[in-house]
Amino acid sequence: MTIPEQVLDKLRGLPPAKQKAVLEFVDSLQEGNGAPLKSLEGLWAEYDIEIKEEDIAEARKEMWGSFPREFPKS
């Protein structure tokens, strides 16, 4: 059995609402093939934002500084 046949077989077993969700998913896959994803640096390029490694390290320290390193024993 080919992949399209397998997909169609499984699709027929789904309720109409889930069939519609599958169709929307396939549509999104087809639409997404044309545009490459941008990195955060690319997204921020027009805003003249410069983030240094030190800035990232400081943000990580602030976020994770109080996170427990060991889990409590049960």
PDB file of N, CA and C in Angstrom:
ATOM      1  N   MET A   1       0.848  -1.179   0.000  1.00  0.00           N
ATOM      2  CA  MET A   1       0.000   0.000   0.000  1.00  0.00           C
ATOM      3  C   MET A   1       0.895   1.244   0.000  1.00  0.00           C
ATOM      4  N   THR A   2       0.623   2.188  -0.869  1.00  0.00           N
ATOM      5  CA  THR A   2       1.425   3.406  -0.963  1.00  0.00           C
ATOM      6  C   THR A   2       1.102   4.353   0.197  1.00  0.00           C
ATOM      7  N   ILE A   3       1.943   5.331   0.381  1.00  0.00           N
ATOM      8  CA  ILE A   3       1.714   6.310   1.456  1.00  0.00           C
ATOM      9  C   ILE A   3       0.408   7.061   1.243  1.00  0.00           C
ATOM     10  N   PRO A   4       0.103   7.572   0.045  1.00  0.00           N
ATOM     11  CA  PRO A   4      -1.189   8.245  -0.135  1.00  0.00           C
ATOM     12  C   PRO A   4      -2.378   7.320   0.178  1.00  0.00           C
ATOM     13  N   GLU A   5      -2.268   6.065  -0.168  1.00  0.00           N
ATOM     14  CA  GLU A   5      -3.347   5.123   0.138  1.00  0.00           C
ATOM     15  C   GLU A   5      -3.478   4.927   1.644  1.00  0.00           C
ATOM     16  N   GLN A   6      -2.346   4.838   2.342  1.00  0.00           N
ATOM     17  CA  GLN A   6      -2.374   4.684   3.803  1.00  0.00           C
ATOM     18  C   GLN A   6      -2.998   5.907   4.468  1.00  0.00           C
ATOM     19  N   VAL A   7      -2.609   7.086   3.989  1.00  0.00           N
ATOM     20  CA  VAL A   7      -3.149   8.332   4.552  1.00  0.00           C
ATOM     21  C   VAL A   7      -4.650   8.402   4.322  1.00  0.00           C
ATOM     22  N   LEU A   8      -5.068   8.101   3.110  1.00  0.00           N
ATOM     23  CA  LEU A   8      -6.489   8.152   2.785  1.00  0.00           C
ATOM     24  C   LEU A   8      -7.278   7.149   3.622  1.00  0.00           C
ATOM     25  N   ASP A   9      -6.718   5.965   3.829  1.00  0.00           N
ATOM     26  CA  ASP A   9      -7.383   4.943   4.633  1.00  0.00           C
ATOM     27  C   ASP A   9      -7.582   5.429   6.071  1.00  0.00           C
ATOM     28  N   LYS A  10      -6.530   6.018   6.637  1.00  0.00           N
ATOM     29  CA  LYS A  10      -6.634   6.536   8.009  1.00  0.00           C
ATOM     30  C   LYS A  10      -7.561   7.747   8.079  1.00  0.00           C
ATOM     31  N   LEU A  11      -7.520   8.591   7.050  1.00  0.00           N
ATOM     32  CA  LEU A  11      -8.361   9.778   7.004  1.00  0.00           C
ATOM     33  C   LEU A  11      -9.842   9.408   7.021  1.00  0.00           C
ATOM     34  N   ARG A  12     -10.190   8.370   6.283  1.00  0.00           N
ATOM     35  CA  ARG A  12     -11.594   7.934   6.227  1.00  0.00           C
ATOM     36  C   ARG A  12     -12.113   7.466   7.581  1.00  0.00           C
ATOM     37  N   GLY A  13     -11.217   7.041   8.454  1.00  0.00           N
ATOM     38  CA  GLY A  13     -11.630   6.583   9.774  1.00  0.00           C
ATOM     39  C   GLY A  13     -11.809   7.688  10.798  1.00  0.00           C
ATOM     40  N   LEU A  14     -11.492   8.907  10.411  1.00  0.00           N
ATOM     41  CA  LEU A  14     -11.607  10.044  11.336  1.00  0.00           C
ATOM     42  C   LEU A  14     -12.979  10.705  11.224  1.00  0.00           C
ATOM     43  N   PRO A  15     -13.435  11.318  12.317  1.00  0.00           N
ATOM     44  CA  PRO A  15     -14.670  12.101  12.237  1.00  0.00           C
ATOM     45  C   PRO A  15     -14.451  13.351  11.376  1.00  0.00           C
ATOM     46  N   PRO A  16     -15.529  13.942  10.847  1.00  0.00           N
ATOM     47  CA  PRO A  16     -15.409  15.096   9.942  1.00  0.00           C
ATOM     48  C   PRO A  16     -14.570  16.253  10.490  1.00  0.00           C
ATOM     49  N   ALA A  17     -14.687  16.544  11.777  1.00  0.00           N
ATOM     50  CA  ALA A  17     -13.929  17.665  12.346  1.00  0.00           C
ATOM     51  C   ALA A  17     -12.429  17.403  12.263  1.00  0.00           C
ATOM     52  N   LYS A  18     -12.024  16.174  12.507  1.00  0.00           N
ATOM     53  CA  LYS A  18     -10.598  15.846  12.431  1.00  0.00           C
ATOM     54  C   LYS A  18     -10.134  15.763  10.979  1.00  0.00           C
ATOM     55  N   GLN A  19     -11.014  15.357  10.079  1.00  0.00           N
ATOM     56  CA  GLN A  19     -10.673  15.356   8.666  1.00  0.00           C
ATOM     57  C   GLN A  19     -10.374  16.781   8.202  1.00  0.00           C
ATOM     58  N   LYS A  20     -11.182  17.736   8.704  1.00  0.00           N
ATOM     59  CA  LYS A  20     -10.972  19.135   8.348  1.00  0.00           C
ATOM     60  C   LYS A  20      -9.637  19.628   8.905  1.00  0.00           C
ATOM     61  N   ALA A  21      -9.302  19.191  10.117  1.00  0.00           N
ATOM     62  CA  ALA A  21      -8.024  19.585  10.719  1.00  0.00           C
ATOM     63  C   ALA A  21      -6.861  19.045   9.899  1.00  0.00           C
ATOM     64  N   VAL A  22      -6.991  17.821   9.397  1.00  0.00           N
ATOM     65  CA  VAL A  22      -5.943  17.241   8.546  1.00  0.00           C
ATOM     66  C   VAL A  22      -5.806  18.057   7.267  1.00  0.00           C
ATOM     67  N   LEU A  23      -6.910  18.427   6.664  1.00  0.00           N
ATOM     68  CA  LEU A  23      -6.884  19.233   5.446  1.00  0.00           C
ATOM     69  C   LEU A  23      -6.195  20.578   5.692  1.00  0.00           C
ATOM     70  N   GLU A  24      -6.510  21.221   6.799  1.00  0.00           N
ATOM     71  CA  GLU A  24      -5.880  22.502   7.131  1.00  0.00           C
ATOM     72  C   GLU A  24      -4.378  22.328   7.350  1.00  0.00           C
ATOM     73  N   PHE A  25      -3.993  21.204   7.969  1.00  0.00           N
ATOM     74  CA  PHE A  25      -2.585  20.929   8.184  1.00  0.00           C
ATOM     75  C   PHE A  25      -1.853  20.754   6.853  1.00  0.00           C
ATOM     76  N   VAL A  26      -2.450  19.999   5.949  1.00  0.00           N
ATOM     77  CA  VAL A  26      -1.837  19.787   4.633  1.00  0.00           C
ATOM     78  C   VAL A  26      -1.723  21.126   3.897  1.00  0.00           C
ATOM     79  N   ASP A  27      -2.751  21.958   3.990  1.00  0.00           N
ATOM     80  CA  ASP A  27      -2.692  23.284   3.365  1.00  0.00           C
ATOM     81  C   ASP A  27      -1.537  24.099   3.939  1.00  0.00           C
ATOM     82  N   SER A  28      -1.353  24.043   5.260  1.00  0.00           N
ATOM     83  CA  SER A  28      -0.279  24.820   5.884  1.00  0.00           C
ATOM     84  C   SER A  28       1.085  24.293   5.452  1.00  0.00           C
ATOM     85  N   LEU A  29       1.213  22.987   5.247  1.00  0.00           N
ATOM     86  CA  LEU A  29       2.476  22.432   4.763  1.00  0.00           C
ATOM     87  C   LEU A  29       2.780  22.931   3.358  1.00  0.00           C
ATOM     88  N   GLN A  30       1.766  22.981   2.514  1.00  0.00           N
ATOM     89  CA  GLN A  30       1.966  23.440   1.149  1.00  0.00           C
ATOM     90  C   GLN A  30       2.335  24.918   1.111  1.00  0.00           C
ATOM     91  N   GLU A  31       1.713  25.716   1.938  1.00  0.00           N
ATOM     92  CA  GLU A  31       1.986  27.151   1.955  1.00  0.00           C
ATOM     93  C   GLU A  31       3.354  27.456   2.540  1.00  0.00           C
ATOM     94  N   GLY A  32       3.814  26.661   3.483  1.00  0.00           N
ATOM     95  CA  GLY A  32       5.060  26.937   4.187  1.00  0.00           C
ATOM     96  C   GLY A  32       6.308  26.604   3.417  1.00  0.00           C
ATOM     97  N   ASN A  33       6.207  25.961   2.286  1.00  0.00           N
ATOM     98  CA  ASN A  33       7.401  25.538   1.563  1.00  0.00           C
ATOM     99  C   ASN A  33       8.137  26.675   0.881  1.00  0.00           C
ATOM    100  N   GLY A  34       7.491  27.790   0.631  1.00  0.00           N
ATOM    101  CA  GLY A  34       8.114  28.852  -0.135  1.00  0.00           C
ATOM    102  C   GLY A  34       8.990  29.791   0.659  1.00  0.00           C
ATOM    103  N   ALA A  35       8.620  30.146   1.869  1.00  0.00           N
ATOM    104  CA  ALA A  35       9.332  31.165   2.622  1.00  0.00           C
ATOM    105  C   ALA A  35      10.258  30.539   3.667  1.00  0.00           C
ATOM    106  N   PRO A  36      11.554  30.843   3.606  1.00  0.00           N
ATOM    107  CA  PRO A  36      12.466  30.327   4.629  1.00  0.00           C
ATOM    108  C   PRO A  36      12.231  31.059   5.951  1.00  0.00           C
ATOM    109  N   LEU A  37      12.503  30.386   7.045  1.00  0.00           N
ATOM    110  CA  LEU A  37      12.365  30.999   8.360  1.00  0.00           C
ATOM    111  C   LEU A  37      13.532  31.945   8.614  1.00  0.00           C
ATOM    112  N   LYS A  38      13.267  33.020   9.339  1.00  0.00           N
ATOM    113  CA  LYS A  38      14.310  33.976   9.680  1.00  0.00           C
ATOM    114  C   LYS A  38      14.822  33.687  11.086  1.00  0.00           C
ATOM    115  N   SER A  39      16.087  33.973  11.302  1.00  0.00           N
ATOM    116  CA  SER A  39      16.652  33.878  12.643  1.00  0.00           C
ATOM    117  C   SER A  39      16.182  35.089  13.447  1.00  0.00           C
ATOM    118  N   LEU A  40      16.379  35.056  14.750  1.00  0.00           N
ATOM    119  CA  LEU A  40      16.028  36.222  15.570  1.00  0.00           C
ATOM    120  C   LEU A  40      16.828  37.441  15.123  1.00  0.00           C
ATOM    121  N   GLU A  41      18.073  37.203  14.762  1.00  0.00           N
ATOM    122  CA  GLU A  41      18.891  38.321  14.288  1.00  0.00           C
ATOM    123  C   GLU A  41      18.284  38.927  13.027  1.00  0.00           C
ATOM    124  N   GLY A  42      17.775  38.078  12.143  1.00  0.00           N
ATOM    125  CA  GLY A  42      17.146  38.567  10.926  1.00  0.00           C
ATOM    126  C   GLY A  42      15.849  39.299  11.201  1.00  0.00           C
ATOM    127  N   LEU A  43      15.092  38.815  12.177  1.00  0.00           N
ATOM    128  CA  LEU A  43      13.829  39.471  12.522  1.00  0.00           C
ATOM    129  C   LEU A  43      14.052  40.850  13.136  1.00  0.00           C
ATOM    130  N   TRP A  44      15.148  41.007  13.883  1.00  0.00           N
ATOM    131  CA  TRP A  44      15.424  42.266  14.562  1.00  0.00           C
ATOM    132  C   TRP A  44      16.238  43.233  13.715  1.00  0.00           C
ATOM    133  N   ALA A  45      16.678  42.828  12.543  1.00  0.00           N
ATOM    134  CA  ALA A  45      17.589  43.646  11.739  1.00  0.00           C
ATOM    135  C   ALA A  45      17.041  45.044  11.477  1.00  0.00           C
ATOM    136  N   GLU A  46      15.770  45.162  11.211  1.00  0.00           N
ATOM    137  CA  GLU A  46      15.198  46.473  10.884  1.00  0.00           C
ATOM    138  C   GLU A  46      15.042  47.385  12.091  1.00  0.00           C
ATOM    139  N   TYR A  47      15.223  46.854  13.308  1.00  0.00           N
ATOM    140  CA  TYR A  47      15.044  47.656  14.518  1.00  0.00           C
ATOM    141  C   TYR A  47      16.358  48.136  15.115  1.00  0.00           C
ATOM    142  N   ASP A  48      17.479  47.816  14.475  1.00  0.00           N
ATOM    143  CA  ASP A  48      18.792  48.252  14.940  1.00  0.00           C
ATOM    144  C   ASP A  48      19.030  47.842  16.388  1.00  0.00           C
ATOM    145  N   ILE A  49      18.786  46.577  16.696  1.00  0.00           N
ATOM    146  CA  ILE A  49      19.006  46.021  18.028  1.00  0.00           C
ATOM    147  C   ILE A  49      20.272  45.177  17.982  1.00  0.00           C
ATOM    148  N   GLU A  50      21.130  45.390  18.957  1.00  0.00           N
ATOM    149  CA  GLU A  50      22.354  44.584  19.040  1.00  0.00           C
ATOM    150  C   GLU A  50      22.357  43.865  20.374  1.00  0.00           C
ATOM    151  N   ILE A  51      22.386  42.555  20.327  1.00  0.00           N
ATOM    152  CA  ILE A  51      22.427  41.760  21.548  1.00  0.00           C
ATOM    153  C   ILE A  51      23.772  41.053  21.598  1.00  0.00           C
ATOM    154  N   LYS A  52      24.475  41.267  22.690  1.00  0.00           N
ATOM    155  CA  LYS A  52      25.799  40.692  22.856  1.00  0.00           C
ATOM    156  C   LYS A  52      25.701  39.404  23.675  1.00  0.00           C
ATOM    157  N   GLU A  53      26.734  38.602  23.591  1.00  0.00           N
ATOM    158  CA  GLU A  53      26.791  37.350  24.349  1.00  0.00           C
ATOM    159  C   GLU A  53      26.668  37.625  25.846  1.00  0.00           C
ATOM    160  N   GLU A  54      27.240  38.732  26.292  1.00  0.00           N
ATOM    161  CA  GLU A  54      27.162  39.097  27.715  1.00  0.00           C
ATOM    162  C   GLU A  54      25.710  39.365  28.125  1.00  0.00           C
ATOM    163  N   ASP A  55      24.934  39.986  27.228  1.00  0.00           N
ATOM    164  CA  ASP A  55      23.517  40.252  27.509  1.00  0.00           C
ATOM    165  C   ASP A  55      22.748  38.948  27.676  1.00  0.00           C
ATOM    166  N   ILE A  56      23.030  37.991  26.813  1.00  0.00           N
ATOM    167  CA  ILE A  56      22.356  36.690  26.886  1.00  0.00           C
ATOM    168  C   ILE A  56      22.749  35.976  28.167  1.00  0.00           C
ATOM    169  N   ALA A  57      24.040  36.016  28.513  1.00  0.00           N
ATOM    170  CA  ALA A  57      24.511  35.364  29.739  1.00  0.00           C
ATOM    171  C   ALA A  57      23.847  35.980  30.972  1.00  0.00           C
ATOM    172  N   GLU A  58      23.725  37.290  30.988  1.00  0.00           N
ATOM    173  CA  GLU A  58      23.076  37.973  32.122  1.00  0.00           C
ATOM    174  C   GLU A  58      21.609  37.599  32.227  1.00  0.00           C
ATOM    175  N   ALA A  59      20.916  37.537  31.083  1.00  0.00           N
ATOM    176  CA  ALA A  59      19.496  37.156  31.094  1.00  0.00           C
ATOM    177  C   ALA A  59      19.333  35.731  31.601  1.00  0.00           C
ATOM    178  N   ARG A  60      20.209  34.836  31.169  1.00  0.00           N
ATOM    179  CA  ARG A  60      20.155  33.445  31.652  1.00  0.00           C
ATOM    180  C   ARG A  60      20.381  33.389  33.157  1.00  0.00           C
ATOM    181  N   LYS A  61      21.340  34.160  33.639  1.00  0.00           N
ATOM    182  CA  LYS A  61      21.648  34.183  35.072  1.00  0.00           C
ATOM    183  C   LYS A  61      20.437  34.671  35.869  1.00  0.00           C
ATOM    184  N   GLU A  62      19.774  35.721  35.366  1.00  0.00           N
ATOM    185  CA  GLU A  62      18.590  36.243  36.040  1.00  0.00           C
ATOM    186  C   GLU A  62      17.447  35.236  36.045  1.00  0.00           C
ATOM    187  N   MET A  63      17.265  34.556  34.910  1.00  0.00           N
ATOM    188  CA  MET A  63      16.146  33.608  34.804  1.00  0.00           C
ATOM    189  C   MET A  63      16.385  32.348  35.617  1.00  0.00           C
ATOM    190  N   TRP A  64      17.589  31.819  35.561  1.00  0.00           N
ATOM    191  CA  TRP A  64      17.861  30.511  36.138  1.00  0.00           C
ATOM    192  C   TRP A  64      18.655  30.573  37.441  1.00  0.00           C
ATOM    193  N   GLY A  65      18.996  31.767  37.915  1.00  0.00           N
ATOM    194  CA  GLY A  65      19.827  31.900  39.108  1.00  0.00           C
ATOM    195  C   GLY A  65      19.248  31.262  40.360  1.00  0.00           C
ATOM    196  N   SER A  66      17.943  31.327  40.528  1.00  0.00           N
ATOM    197  CA  SER A  66      17.335  30.772  41.738  1.00  0.00           C
ATOM    198  C   SER A  66      16.733  29.379  41.498  1.00  0.00           C
ATOM    199  N   PHE A  67      16.966  28.821  40.321  1.00  0.00           N
ATOM    200  CA  PHE A  67      16.436  27.491  40.026  1.00  0.00           C
ATOM    201  C   PHE A  67      17.221  26.452  40.801  1.00  0.00           C
ATOM    202  N   PRO A  68      16.524  25.569  41.534  1.00  0.00           N
ATOM    203  CA  PRO A  68      17.247  24.569  42.344  1.00  0.00           C
ATOM    204  C   PRO A  68      18.054  23.620  41.463  1.00  0.00           C
ATOM    205  N   ARG A  69      19.271  23.357  41.856  1.00  0.00           N
ATOM    206  CA  ARG A  69      20.149  22.471  41.101  1.00  0.00           C
ATOM    207  C   ARG A  69      19.858  21.000  41.392  1.00  0.00           C
ATOM    208  N   GLU A  70      19.349  20.724  42.558  1.00  0.00           N
ATOM    209  CA  GLU A  70      19.023  19.349  42.925  1.00  0.00           C
ATOM    210  C   GLU A  70      17.546  19.264  43.267  1.00  0.00           C
ATOM    211  N   PHE A  71      16.958  18.143  42.944  1.00  0.00           N
ATOM    212  CA  PHE A  71      15.553  17.931  43.264  1.00  0.00           C
ATOM    213  C   PHE A  71      15.434  17.433  44.695  1.00  0.00           C
ATOM    214  N   PRO A  72      14.367  17.831  45.382  1.00  0.00           N
ATOM    215  CA  PRO A  72      14.171  17.339  46.753  1.00  0.00           C
ATOM    216  C   PRO A  72      14.016  15.819  46.747  1.00  0.00           C
ATOM    217  N   LYS A  73      14.570  15.191  47.752  1.00  0.00           N
ATOM    218  CA  LYS A  73      14.437  13.735  47.870  1.00  0.00           C
ATOM    219  C   LYS A  73      13.081  13.395  48.437  1.00  0.00           C
ATOM    220  N   SER A  74      12.469  12.347  47.859  1.00  0.00           N
ATOM    221  CA  SER A  74      11.133  11.974  48.336  1.00  0.00           C
ATOM    222  C   SER A  74      11.202  10.995  49.459  1.00  0.00           C
TER     223      SER A  74
END
